[in-house]
PDB file of all heavy atoms in Angstrom:
ATOM      1  N   ASP A   1       5.812   8.786 -23.174  1.00  0.00           N
ATOM      2  CA  ASP A   1       5.983   9.822 -22.167  1.00  0.00           C
ATOM      3  C   ASP A   1       6.047   9.272 -20.758  1.00  0.00           C
ATOM      4  O   ASP A   1       6.201  10.024 -19.809  1.00  0.00           O
ATOM      5  CB  ASP A   1       4.816  10.827 -22.237  1.00  0.00           C
ATOM      6  CG  ASP A   1       4.847  11.617 -23.529  1.00  0.00           C
ATOM      7  OD1 ASP A   1       5.959  11.854 -24.021  1.00  0.00           O
ATOM      8  OD2 ASP A   1       3.769  11.974 -24.019  1.00  0.00           O
ATOM      9  N   VAL A   2       5.862   7.954 -20.613  1.00  0.00           N
ATOM     10  CA  VAL A   2       5.859   7.352 -19.288  1.00  0.00           C
ATOM     11  C   VAL A   2       7.290   7.085 -18.865  1.00  0.00           C
ATOM     12  O   VAL A   2       8.010   6.349 -19.516  1.00  0.00           O
ATOM     13  CB  VAL A   2       5.046   6.040 -19.287  1.00  0.00           C
ATOM     14  CG1 VAL A   2       5.081   5.417 -17.901  1.00  0.00           C
ATOM     15  CG2 VAL A   2       3.615   6.319 -19.717  1.00  0.00           C
ATOM     16  N   THR A   3       7.719   7.666 -17.758  1.00  0.00           N
ATOM     17  CA  THR A   3       9.085   7.525 -17.279  1.00  0.00           C
ATOM     18  C   THR A   3       9.083   6.901 -15.904  1.00  0.00           C
ATOM     19  O   THR A   3       8.104   6.987 -15.171  1.00  0.00           O
ATOM     20  CB  THR A   3       9.772   8.907 -17.190  1.00  0.00           C
ATOM     21  OG1 THR A   3       8.974   9.762 -16.371  1.00  0.00           O
ATOM     22  CG2 THR A   3       9.919   9.522 -18.567  1.00  0.00           C
ATOM     23  N   PRO A   4      10.167   6.229 -15.527  1.00  0.00           N
ATOM     24  CA  PRO A   4      10.247   5.638 -14.183  1.00  0.00           C
ATOM     25  C   PRO A   4      10.127   6.694 -13.112  1.00  0.00           C
ATOM     26  O   PRO A   4      10.380   7.872 -13.329  1.00  0.00           O
ATOM     27  CB  PRO A   4      11.645   4.978 -14.179  1.00  0.00           C
ATOM     28  CG  PRO A   4      12.005   4.811 -15.625  1.00  0.00           C
ATOM     29  CD  PRO A   4      11.352   5.962 -16.346  1.00  0.00           C
ATOM     30  N   HIS A   5       9.794   6.215 -11.907  1.00  0.00           N
ATOM     31  CA  HIS A   5       9.564   7.125 -10.788  1.00  0.00           C
ATOM     32  C   HIS A   5      10.785   7.992 -10.502  1.00  0.00           C
ATOM     33  O   HIS A   5      10.684   9.204 -10.354  1.00  0.00           O
ATOM     34  CB  HIS A   5       9.196   6.315  -9.545  1.00  0.00           C
ATOM     35  CG  HIS A   5       9.001   7.160  -8.326  1.00  0.00           C
ATOM     36  ND1 HIS A   5       7.793   7.722  -8.014  1.00  0.00           N
ATOM     37  CD2 HIS A   5       9.869   7.540  -7.361  1.00  0.00           C
ATOM     38  CE1 HIS A   5       7.925   8.407  -6.897  1.00  0.00           C
ATOM     39  NE2 HIS A   5       9.168   8.316  -6.485  1.00  0.00           N
ATOM     40  N   ASP A   6      11.968   7.359 -10.411  1.00  0.00           N
ATOM     41  CA  ASP A   6      13.152   8.121 -10.071  1.00  0.00           C
ATOM     42  C   ASP A   6      13.467   9.175 -11.109  1.00  0.00           C
ATOM     43  O   ASP A   6      13.945  10.260 -10.804  1.00  0.00           O
ATOM     44  CB  ASP A   6      14.356   7.184  -9.909  1.00  0.00           C
ATOM     45  CG  ASP A   6      14.229   6.321  -8.676  1.00  0.00           C
ATOM     46  OD1 ASP A   6      13.447   6.717  -7.778  1.00  0.00           O
ATOM     47  OD2 ASP A   6      14.873   5.270  -8.605  1.00  0.00           O
ATOM     48  N   GLU A   7      13.221   8.849 -12.396  1.00  0.00           N
ATOM     49  CA  GLU A   7      13.486   9.823 -13.442  1.00  0.00           C
ATOM     50  C   GLU A   7      12.505  10.979 -13.351  1.00  0.00           C
ATOM     51  O   GLU A   7      12.861  12.139 -13.547  1.00  0.00           O
ATOM     52  CB  GLU A   7      13.387   9.157 -14.810  1.00  0.00           C
ATOM     53  CG  GLU A   7      13.730  10.107 -15.961  1.00  0.00           C
ATOM     54  CD  GLU A   7      13.712   9.425 -17.311  1.00  0.00           C
ATOM     55  OE1 GLU A   7      13.652   8.180 -17.336  1.00  0.00           O
ATOM     56  OE2 GLU A   7      13.753  10.129 -18.321  1.00  0.00           O
ATOM     57  N   ARG A   8      11.219  10.676 -13.023  1.00  0.00           N
ATOM     58  CA  ARG A   8      10.246  11.751 -12.898  1.00  0.00           C
ATOM     59  C   ARG A   8      10.591  12.658 -11.729  1.00  0.00           C
ATOM     60  O   ARG A   8      10.293  13.849 -11.748  1.00  0.00           O
ATOM     61  CB  ARG A   8       8.842  11.168 -12.700  1.00  0.00           C
ATOM     62  CG  ARG A   8       8.279  10.598 -13.991  1.00  0.00           C
ATOM     63  CD  ARG A   8       6.834  10.186 -13.829  1.00  0.00           C
ATOM     64  NE  ARG A   8       6.723   8.959 -13.059  1.00  0.00           N
ATOM     65  CZ  ARG A   8       6.162   8.874 -11.882  1.00  0.00           C
ATOM     66  NH1 ARG A   8       5.665   9.933 -11.305  1.00  0.00           N
ATOM     67  NH2 ARG A   8       6.073   7.725 -11.253  1.00  0.00           N
ATOM     68  N   GLN A   9      11.223  12.098 -10.701  1.00  0.00           N
ATOM     69  CA  GLN A   9      11.657  12.947  -9.595  1.00  0.00           C
ATOM     70  C   GLN A   9      12.689  13.966 -10.044  1.00  0.00           C
ATOM     71  O   GLN A   9      12.791  15.053  -9.493  1.00  0.00           O
ATOM     72  CB  GLN A   9      12.254  12.099  -8.476  1.00  0.00           C
ATOM     73  CG  GLN A   9      11.202  11.372  -7.651  1.00  0.00           C
ATOM     74  CD  GLN A   9      11.848  10.691  -6.484  1.00  0.00           C
ATOM     75  OE1 GLN A   9      12.841   9.996  -6.644  1.00  0.00           O
ATOM     76  NE2 GLN A   9      11.310  10.888  -5.312  1.00  0.00           N
ATOM     77  N   ARG A  10      13.489  13.609 -11.072  1.00  0.00           N
ATOM     78  CA  ARG A  10      14.506  14.524 -11.557  1.00  0.00           C
ATOM     79  C   ARG A  10      13.976  15.479 -12.620  1.00  0.00           C
ATOM     80  O   ARG A  10      14.723  16.233 -13.226  1.00  0.00           O
ATOM     81  CB  ARG A  10      15.673  13.718 -12.132  1.00  0.00           C
ATOM     82  CG  ARG A  10      16.405  12.870 -11.103  1.00  0.00           C
ATOM     83  CD  ARG A  10      17.677  12.320 -11.667  1.00  0.00           C
ATOM     84  NE  ARG A  10      17.448  11.361 -12.737  1.00  0.00           N
ATOM     85  CZ  ARG A  10      17.304  10.059 -12.530  1.00  0.00           C
ATOM     86  NH1 ARG A  10      17.364   9.588 -11.307  1.00  0.00           N
ATOM     87  NH2 ARG A  10      17.109   9.242 -13.532  1.00  0.00           N
ATOM     88  N   GLN A  11      12.635  15.418 -12.887  1.00  0.00           N
ATOM     89  CA  GLN A  11      12.045  16.250 -13.917  1.00  0.00           C
ATOM     90  C   GLN A  11      10.875  17.032 -13.348  1.00  0.00           C
ATOM     91  O   GLN A  11       9.713  16.765 -13.649  1.00  0.00           O
ATOM     92  CB  GLN A  11      11.584  15.393 -15.100  1.00  0.00           C
ATOM     93  CG  GLN A  11      12.719  14.613 -15.758  1.00  0.00           C
ATOM     94  CD  GLN A  11      12.200  13.706 -16.848  1.00  0.00           C
ATOM     95  OE1 GLN A  11      11.018  13.702 -17.145  1.00  0.00           O
ATOM     96  NE2 GLN A  11      13.085  12.952 -17.452  1.00  0.00           N
ATOM     97  N   PRO A  12      11.128  18.023 -12.486  1.00  0.00           N
ATOM     98  CA  PRO A  12      10.024  18.755 -11.838  1.00  0.00           C
ATOM     99  C   PRO A  12       9.135  19.473 -12.834  1.00  0.00           C
ATOM    100  O   PRO A  12       7.931  19.592 -12.625  1.00  0.00           O
ATOM    101  CB  PRO A  12      10.752  19.743 -10.911  1.00  0.00           C
ATOM    102  CG  PRO A  12      12.145  19.842 -11.462  1.00  0.00           C
ATOM    103  CD  PRO A  12      12.444  18.503 -12.054  1.00  0.00           C
ATOM    104  N   ASP A  13       9.704  19.983 -13.958  1.00  0.00           N
ATOM    105  CA  ASP A  13       8.874  20.676 -14.945  1.00  0.00           C
ATOM    106  C   ASP A  13       7.859  19.716 -15.561  1.00  0.00           C
ATOM    107  O   ASP A  13       6.706  20.064 -15.780  1.00  0.00           O
ATOM    108  CB  ASP A  13       9.750  21.279 -16.047  1.00  0.00           C
ATOM    109  CG  ASP A  13      10.605  22.420 -15.516  1.00  0.00           C
ATOM    110  OD1 ASP A  13      10.204  23.012 -14.486  1.00  0.00           O
ATOM    111  OD2 ASP A  13      11.653  22.705 -16.117  1.00  0.00           O
ATOM    112  N   GLN A  14       8.317  18.496 -15.841  1.00  0.00           N
ATOM    113  CA  GLN A  14       7.399  17.513 -16.395  1.00  0.00           C
ATOM    114  C   GLN A  14       6.341  17.116 -15.373  1.00  0.00           C
ATOM    115  O   GLN A  14       5.172  16.928 -15.706  1.00  0.00           O
ATOM    116  CB  GLN A  14       8.159  16.264 -16.841  1.00  0.00           C
ATOM    117  CG  GLN A  14       7.250  15.152 -17.382  1.00  0.00           C
ATOM    118  CD  GLN A  14       8.052  13.923 -17.784  1.00  0.00           C
ATOM    119  OE1 GLN A  14       9.242  14.022 -18.052  1.00  0.00           O
ATOM    120  NE2 GLN A  14       7.384  12.786 -17.829  1.00  0.00           N
ATOM    121  N   GLN A  15       6.757  17.029 -14.093  1.00  0.00           N
ATOM    122  CA  GLN A  15       5.804  16.681 -13.048  1.00  0.00           C
ATOM    123  C   GLN A  15       4.684  17.708 -12.971  1.00  0.00           C
ATOM    124  O   GLN A  15       3.520  17.353 -12.845  1.00  0.00           O
ATOM    125  CB  GLN A  15       6.510  16.628 -11.695  1.00  0.00           C
ATOM    126  CG  GLN A  15       7.223  15.322 -11.439  1.00  0.00           C
ATOM    127  CD  GLN A  15       7.696  15.245 -10.011  1.00  0.00           C
ATOM    128  OE1 GLN A  15       7.859  16.270  -9.353  1.00  0.00           O
ATOM    129  NE2 GLN A  15       7.912  14.049  -9.522  1.00  0.00           N
ATOM    130  N   ARG A  16       5.050  18.981 -12.998  1.00  0.00           N
ATOM    131  CA  ARG A  16       4.030  20.017 -12.884  1.00  0.00           C
ATOM    132  C   ARG A  16       3.087  20.005 -14.074  1.00  0.00           C
ATOM    133  O   ARG A  16       1.953  20.456 -13.973  1.00  0.00           O
ATOM    134  CB  ARG A  16       4.712  21.382 -12.744  1.00  0.00           C
ATOM    135  CG  ARG A  16       5.365  21.607 -11.394  1.00  0.00           C
ATOM    136  CD  ARG A  16       5.757  23.058 -11.223  1.00  0.00           C
ATOM    137  NE  ARG A  16       6.857  23.418 -12.099  1.00  0.00           N
ATOM    138  CZ  ARG A  16       8.137  23.348 -11.736  1.00  0.00           C
ATOM    139  NH1 ARG A  16       8.440  22.914 -10.523  1.00  0.00           N
ATOM    140  NH2 ARG A  16       9.092  23.710 -12.553  1.00  0.00           N
ATOM    141  N   ALA A  17       3.557  19.480 -15.218  1.00  0.00           N
ATOM    142  CA  ALA A  17       2.715  19.459 -16.408  1.00  0.00           C
ATOM    143  C   ALA A  17       1.769  18.284 -16.424  1.00  0.00           C
ATOM    144  O   ALA A  17       0.818  18.257 -17.195  1.00  0.00           O
ATOM    145  CB  ALA A  17       3.584  19.442 -17.671  1.00  0.00           C
ATOM    146  N   GLU A  18       2.050  17.272 -15.595  1.00  0.00           N
ATOM    147  CA  GLU A  18       1.204  16.078 -15.610  1.00  0.00           C
ATOM    148  C   GLU A  18      -0.091  16.324 -14.863  1.00  0.00           C
ATOM    149  O   GLU A  18      -0.112  17.004 -13.848  1.00  0.00           O
ATOM    150  CB  GLU A  18       1.928  14.904 -14.956  1.00  0.00           C
ATOM    151  CG  GLU A  18       3.129  14.412 -15.777  1.00  0.00           C
ATOM    152  CD  GLU A  18       3.836  13.282 -15.059  1.00  0.00           C
ATOM    153  OE1 GLU A  18       3.508  13.052 -13.887  1.00  0.00           O
ATOM    154  OE2 GLU A  18       4.703  12.648 -15.669  1.00  0.00           O
ATOM    155  N   ALA A  19      -1.159  15.757 -15.342  1.00  0.00           N
ATOM    156  CA  ALA A  19      -2.431  15.801 -14.617  1.00  0.00           C
ATOM    157  C   ALA A  19      -2.484  14.645 -13.637  1.00  0.00           C
ATOM    158  O   ALA A  19      -1.581  13.836 -13.581  1.00  0.00           O
ATOM    159  CB  ALA A  19      -3.600  15.741 -15.599  1.00  0.00           C
ATOM    160  N   ALA A  20      -3.571  14.575 -12.878  1.00  0.00           N
ATOM    161  CA  ALA A  20      -3.680  13.536 -11.857  1.00  0.00           C
ATOM    162  C   ALA A  20      -3.995  12.202 -12.482  1.00  0.00           C
ATOM    163  O   ALA A  20      -4.628  12.111 -13.522  1.00  0.00           O
ATOM    164  CB  ALA A  20      -4.781  13.904 -10.865  1.00  0.00           C
ATOM    165  N   ARG A  21      -3.521  11.156 -11.824  1.00  0.00           N
ATOM    166  CA  ARG A  21      -3.838   9.807 -12.291  1.00  0.00           C
ATOM    167  C   ARG A  21      -5.272   9.448 -11.956  1.00  0.00           C
ATOM    168  O   ARG A  21      -5.871  10.042 -11.089  1.00  0.00           O
ATOM    169  CB  ARG A  21      -2.909   8.790 -11.637  1.00  0.00           C
ATOM    170  CG  ARG A  21      -1.445   9.009 -11.971  1.00  0.00           C
ATOM    171  CD  ARG A  21      -0.605   7.984 -11.244  1.00  0.00           C
ATOM    172  NE  ARG A  21       0.794   8.187 -11.516  1.00  0.00           N
ATOM    173  CZ  ARG A  21       1.767   7.548 -10.886  1.00  0.00           C
ATOM    174  NH1 ARG A  21       1.485   6.669  -9.971  1.00  0.00           N
ATOM    175  NH2 ARG A  21       3.026   7.777 -11.187  1.00  0.00           N
ATOM    176  N   GLY A  22      -5.808   8.411 -12.581  1.00  0.00           N
ATOM    177  CA  GLY A  22      -7.172   8.012 -12.257  1.00  0.00           C
ATOM    178  C   GLY A  22      -7.413   6.541 -12.342  1.00  0.00           C
ATOM    179  O   GLY A  22      -7.331   5.970 -13.397  1.00  0.00           O
ATOM    180  N   GLU A  23      -7.692   5.954 -11.247  1.00  0.00           N
ATOM    181  CA  GLU A  23      -8.152   4.573 -11.166  1.00  0.00           C
ATOM    182  C   GLU A  23      -9.056   4.480  -9.957  1.00  0.00           C
ATOM    183  O   GLU A  23      -8.847   5.164  -8.966  1.00  0.00           O
ATOM    184  CB  GLU A  23      -6.980   3.590 -11.001  1.00  0.00           C
ATOM    185  CG  GLU A  23      -6.148   3.380 -12.268  1.00  0.00           C
ATOM    186  CD  GLU A  23      -6.918   2.654 -13.352  1.00  0.00           C
ATOM    187  OE1 GLU A  23      -7.893   1.956 -13.027  1.00  0.00           O
ATOM    188  OE2 GLU A  23      -6.566   2.811 -14.518  1.00  0.00           O
ATOM    189  N   VAL A  24     -10.067   3.659 -10.014  1.00  0.00           N
ATOM    190  CA  VAL A  24     -10.985   3.496  -8.894  1.00  0.00           C
ATOM    191  C   VAL A  24     -10.352   2.571  -7.877  1.00  0.00           C
ATOM    192  O   VAL A  24      -9.913   1.483  -8.209  1.00  0.00           O
ATOM    193  CB  VAL A  24     -12.330   2.914  -9.364  1.00  0.00           C
ATOM    194  CG1 VAL A  24     -13.260   2.696  -8.183  1.00  0.00           C
ATOM    195  CG2 VAL A  24     -12.956   3.856 -10.381  1.00  0.00           C
ATOM    196  N   ALA A  25     -10.243   3.033  -6.634  1.00  0.00           N
ATOM    197  CA  ALA A  25      -9.604   2.242  -5.587  1.00  0.00           C
ATOM    198  C   ALA A  25     -10.571   1.221  -5.028  1.00  0.00           C
ATOM    199  O   ALA A  25     -11.768   1.457  -4.949  1.00  0.00           O
ATOM    200  CB  ALA A  25      -9.112   3.155  -4.459  1.00  0.00           C
ATOM    201  N   ASP A  26     -10.011   0.061  -4.657  1.00  0.00           N
ATOM    202  CA  ASP A  26     -10.802  -0.931  -3.951  1.00  0.00           C
ATOM    203  C   ASP A  26     -11.074  -0.435  -2.546  1.00  0.00           C
ATOM    204  O   ASP A  26     -10.464   0.514  -2.066  1.00  0.00           O
ATOM    205  CB  ASP A  26     -10.064  -2.267  -3.872  1.00  0.00           C
ATOM    206  CG  ASP A  26     -10.076  -2.989  -5.205  1.00  0.00           C
ATOM    207  OD1 ASP A  26     -10.964  -2.697  -6.019  1.00  0.00           O
ATOM    208  OD2 ASP A  26      -9.190  -3.824  -5.405  1.00  0.00           O
ATOM    209  N   GLY A  27     -11.978  -1.103  -1.839  1.00  0.00           N
ATOM    210  CA  GLY A  27     -12.275  -0.741  -0.456  1.00  0.00           C
ATOM    211  C   GLY A  27     -11.124  -1.108   0.452  1.00  0.00           C
ATOM    212  O   GLY A  27     -10.194  -1.785   0.062  1.00  0.00           O
ATOM    213  N   VAL A  28     -11.192  -0.651   1.665  1.00  0.00           N
ATOM    214  CA  VAL A  28     -10.186  -0.999   2.645  1.00  0.00           C
ATOM    215  C   VAL A  28     -10.824  -1.834   3.726  1.00  0.00           C
ATOM    216  O   VAL A  28     -12.037  -1.835   3.898  1.00  0.00           O
ATOM    217  CB  VAL A  28      -9.549   0.270   3.261  1.00  0.00           C
ATOM    218  CG1 VAL A  28      -8.744   1.019   2.221  1.00  0.00           C
ATOM    219  CG2 VAL A  28     -10.608   1.169   3.849  1.00  0.00           C
ATOM    220  N   VAL A  29      -9.993  -2.582   4.407  1.00  0.00           N
ATOM    221  CA  VAL A  29     -10.485  -3.496   5.433  1.00  0.00           C
ATOM    222  C   VAL A  29     -10.472  -2.794   6.779  1.00  0.00           C
ATOM    223  O   VAL A  29      -9.448  -2.268   7.198  1.00  0.00           O
ATOM    224  CB  VAL A  29      -9.604  -4.753   5.499  1.00  0.00           C
ATOM    225  CG1 VAL A  29     -10.044  -5.654   6.640  1.00  0.00           C
ATOM    226  CG2 VAL A  29      -9.686  -5.498   4.171  1.00  0.00           C
ATOM    227  N   VAL A  30     -11.598  -2.753   7.433  1.00  0.00           N
ATOM    228  CA  VAL A  30     -11.667  -2.221   8.791  1.00  0.00           C
ATOM    229  C   VAL A  30     -12.329  -3.275   9.661  1.00  0.00           C
ATOM    230  O   VAL A  30     -13.446  -3.688   9.398  1.00  0.00           O
ATOM    231  CB  VAL A  30     -12.489  -0.917   8.861  1.00  0.00           C
ATOM    232  CG1 VAL A  30     -12.471  -0.376  10.284  1.00  0.00           C
ATOM    233  CG2 VAL A  30     -11.940   0.117   7.903  1.00  0.00           C
ATOM    234  N   ALA A  31     -11.622  -3.745  10.648  1.00  0.00           N
ATOM    235  CA  ALA A  31     -12.210  -4.711  11.568  1.00  0.00           C
ATOM    236  C   ALA A  31     -12.930  -3.959  12.675  1.00  0.00           C
ATOM    237  O   ALA A  31     -12.458  -2.939  13.151  1.00  0.00           O
ATOM    238  CB  ALA A  31     -11.123  -5.607  12.155  1.00  0.00           C
ATOM    239  N   HIS A  32     -14.095  -4.446  13.089  1.00  0.00           N
ATOM    240  CA  HIS A  32     -14.930  -3.691  14.016  1.00  0.00           C
ATOM    241  C   HIS A  32     -14.886  -4.207  15.448  1.00  0.00           C
ATOM    242  O   HIS A  32     -15.434  -3.594  16.349  1.00  0.00           O
ATOM    243  CB  HIS A  32     -16.379  -3.711  13.529  1.00  0.00           C
ATOM    244  CG  HIS A  32     -16.548  -3.077  12.194  1.00  0.00           C
ATOM    245  ND1 HIS A  32     -16.439  -1.715  11.982  1.00  0.00           N
ATOM    246  CD2 HIS A  32     -16.779  -3.629  10.984  1.00  0.00           C
ATOM    247  CE1 HIS A  32     -16.632  -1.446  10.709  1.00  0.00           C
ATOM    248  NE2 HIS A  32     -16.828  -2.582  10.088  1.00  0.00           N
ATOM    249  N   GLU A  33     -14.244  -5.343  15.658  1.00  0.00           N
ATOM    250  CA  GLU A  33     -14.164  -5.870  17.014  1.00  0.00           C
ATOM    251  C   GLU A  33     -13.229  -5.007  17.840  1.00  0.00           C
ATOM    252  O   GLU A  33     -12.206  -4.534  17.355  1.00  0.00           O
ATOM    253  CB  GLU A  33     -13.629  -7.302  16.967  1.00  0.00           C
ATOM    254  CG  GLU A  33     -13.453  -7.941  18.332  1.00  0.00           C
ATOM    255  CD  GLU A  33     -12.735  -9.280  18.237  1.00  0.00           C
ATOM    256  OE1 GLU A  33     -12.435  -9.677  17.122  1.00  0.00           O
ATOM    257  OE2 GLU A  33     -12.496  -9.865  19.280  1.00  0.00           O
ATOM    258  N   ASP A  34     -13.549  -4.778  19.082  1.00  0.00           N
ATOM    259  CA  ASP A  34     -12.713  -3.955  19.952  1.00  0.00           C
ATOM    260  C   ASP A  34     -11.976  -4.860  20.916  1.00  0.00           C
ATOM    261  O   ASP A  34     -12.595  -5.549  21.721  1.00  0.00           O
ATOM    262  CB  ASP A  34     -13.584  -2.956  20.723  1.00  0.00           C
ATOM    263  CG  ASP A  34     -12.747  -2.020  21.566  1.00  0.00           C
ATOM    264  OD1 ASP A  34     -11.553  -1.888  21.265  1.00  0.00           O
ATOM    265  OD2 ASP A  34     -13.311  -1.424  22.492  1.00  0.00           O
ATOM    266  N   ARG A  35     -10.653  -4.892  20.810  1.00  0.00           N
ATOM    267  CA  ARG A  35      -9.850  -5.753  21.667  1.00  0.00           C
ATOM    268  C   ARG A  35      -8.895  -4.901  22.494  1.00  0.00           C
ATOM    269  O   ARG A  35      -8.258  -4.005  21.982  1.00  0.00           O
ATOM    270  CB  ARG A  35      -9.043  -6.741  20.827  1.00  0.00           C
ATOM    271  CG  ARG A  35      -8.194  -7.685  21.662  1.00  0.00           C
ATOM    272  CD  ARG A  35      -7.377  -8.586  20.764  1.00  0.00           C
ATOM    273  NE  ARG A  35      -8.246  -9.296  19.848  1.00  0.00           N
ATOM    274  CZ  ARG A  35      -7.855  -9.780  18.681  1.00  0.00           C
ATOM    275  NH1 ARG A  35      -6.627  -9.625  18.294  1.00  0.00           N
ATOM    276  NH2 ARG A  35      -8.693 -10.406  17.906  1.00  0.00           N
ATOM    277  N   ARG A  36      -8.802  -5.158  23.773  1.00  0.00           N
ATOM    278  CA  ARG A  36      -7.916  -4.407  24.658  1.00  0.00           C
ATOM    279  C   ARG A  36      -6.486  -4.916  24.512  1.00  0.00           C
ATOM    280  O   ARG A  36      -6.239  -6.022  24.068  1.00  0.00           O
ATOM    281  CB  ARG A  36      -8.359  -4.580  26.115  1.00  0.00           C
ATOM    282  CG  ARG A  36      -9.721  -3.961  26.411  1.00  0.00           C
ATOM    283  CD  ARG A  36     -10.157  -4.286  27.826  1.00  0.00           C
ATOM    284  NE  ARG A  36      -9.205  -3.779  28.789  1.00  0.00           N
ATOM    285  CZ  ARG A  36      -9.242  -2.549  29.270  1.00  0.00           C
ATOM    286  NH1 ARG A  36     -10.179  -1.721  28.894  1.00  0.00           N
ATOM    287  NH2 ARG A  36      -8.341  -2.137  30.136  1.00  0.00           N
ATOM    288  N   VAL A  37      -5.549  -4.085  24.940  1.00  0.00           N
ATOM    289  CA  VAL A  37      -4.161  -4.515  24.987  1.00  0.00           C
ATOM    290  C   VAL A  37      -4.036  -5.615  26.030  1.00  0.00           C
ATOM    291  O   VAL A  37      -4.699  -5.599  27.057  1.00  0.00           O
ATOM    292  CB  VAL A  37      -3.246  -3.328  25.368  1.00  0.00           C
ATOM    293  CG1 VAL A  37      -1.781  -3.756  25.381  1.00  0.00           C
ATOM    294  CG2 VAL A  37      -3.461  -2.186  24.410  1.00  0.00           C
ATOM    295  N   ASP A  38      -3.187  -6.610  25.748  1.00  0.00           N
ATOM    296  CA  ASP A  38      -3.002  -7.714  26.682  1.00  0.00           C
ATOM    297  C   ASP A  38      -2.593  -7.203  28.058  1.00  0.00           C
ATOM    298  O   ASP A  38      -1.943  -6.176  28.195  1.00  0.00           O
ATOM    299  CB  ASP A  38      -1.888  -8.641  26.195  1.00  0.00           C
ATOM    300  CG  ASP A  38      -2.346  -9.511  25.049  1.00  0.00           C
ATOM    301  OD1 ASP A  38      -3.425  -9.219  24.509  1.00  0.00           O
ATOM    302  OD2 ASP A  38      -1.620 -10.452  24.706  1.00  0.00           O
ATOM    303  N   GLU A  39      -2.979  -7.966  29.089  1.00  0.00           N
ATOM    304  CA  GLU A  39      -2.526  -7.648  30.428  1.00  0.00           C
ATOM    305  C   GLU A  39      -0.996  -7.724  30.471  1.00  0.00           C
ATOM    306  O   GLU A  39      -0.383  -8.608  29.908  1.00  0.00           O
ATOM    307  CB  GLU A  39      -3.106  -8.637  31.438  1.00  0.00           C
ATOM    308  CG  GLU A  39      -4.614  -8.471  31.630  1.00  0.00           C
ATOM    309  CD  GLU A  39      -5.112  -9.369  32.746  1.00  0.00           C
ATOM    310  OE1 GLU A  39      -4.270  -9.925  33.470  1.00  0.00           O
ATOM    311  OE2 GLU A  39      -6.331  -9.509  32.870  1.00  0.00           O
ATOM    312  N   GLY A  40      -0.403  -6.803  31.135  1.00  0.00           N
ATOM    313  CA  GLY A  40       1.049  -6.772  31.211  1.00  0.00           C
ATOM    314  C   GLY A  40       1.688  -5.952  30.113  1.00  0.00           C
ATOM    315  O   GLY A  40       2.878  -5.713  30.140  1.00  0.00           O
ATOM    316  N   VAL A  41       0.898  -5.531  29.130  1.00  0.00           N
ATOM    317  CA  VAL A  41       1.434  -4.749  28.027  1.00  0.00           C
ATOM    318  C   VAL A  41       1.133  -3.278  28.231  1.00  0.00           C
ATOM    319  O   VAL A  41       1.881  -2.410  27.821  1.00  0.00           O
ATOM    320  CB  VAL A  41       0.843  -5.233  26.681  1.00  0.00           C
ATOM    321  CG1 VAL A  41       1.212  -4.270  25.558  1.00  0.00           C
ATOM    322  CG2 VAL A  41       1.357  -6.628  26.360  1.00  0.00           C
ATOM    323  N   ALA A  42       0.025  -2.972  28.922  1.00  0.00           N
ATOM    324  CA  ALA A  42      -0.462  -1.595  28.996  1.00  0.00           C
ATOM    325  C   ALA A  42       0.575  -0.641  29.575  1.00  0.00           C
ATOM    326  O   ALA A  42       0.796   0.432  29.041  1.00  0.00           O
ATOM    327  CB  ALA A  42      -1.754  -1.529  29.808  1.00  0.00           C
ATOM    328  N   ARG A  43       1.229  -1.023  30.666  1.00  0.00           N
ATOM    329  CA  ARG A  43       2.205  -0.112  31.269  1.00  0.00           C
ATOM    330  C   ARG A  43       3.460  -0.881  31.703  1.00  0.00           C
ATOM    331  O   ARG A  43       3.821  -0.906  32.879  1.00  0.00           O
ATOM    332  CB  ARG A  43       1.598   0.611  32.471  1.00  0.00           C
ATOM    333  CG  ARG A  43       0.352   1.411  32.144  1.00  0.00           C
ATOM    334  CD  ARG A  43      -0.145   2.191  33.345  1.00  0.00           C
ATOM    335  NE  ARG A  43       0.812   3.185  33.783  1.00  0.00           N
ATOM    336  CZ  ARG A  43       0.934   4.391  33.233  1.00  0.00           C
ATOM    337  NH1 ARG A  43       0.174   4.737  32.218  1.00  0.00           N
ATOM    338  NH2 ARG A  43       1.826   5.257  33.682  1.00  0.00           N
TER     339      ARG A  43
END
């Protein structure tokens, strides 16, 4: 029942019948240092 993305786009009835996918996502990277825009770039 697994079809390529483009084919699933052409099958809206099948899309509505599918349930949600499930996988645990990894974390995302957030850097905490605050850096200003370089001089000469701001305006």
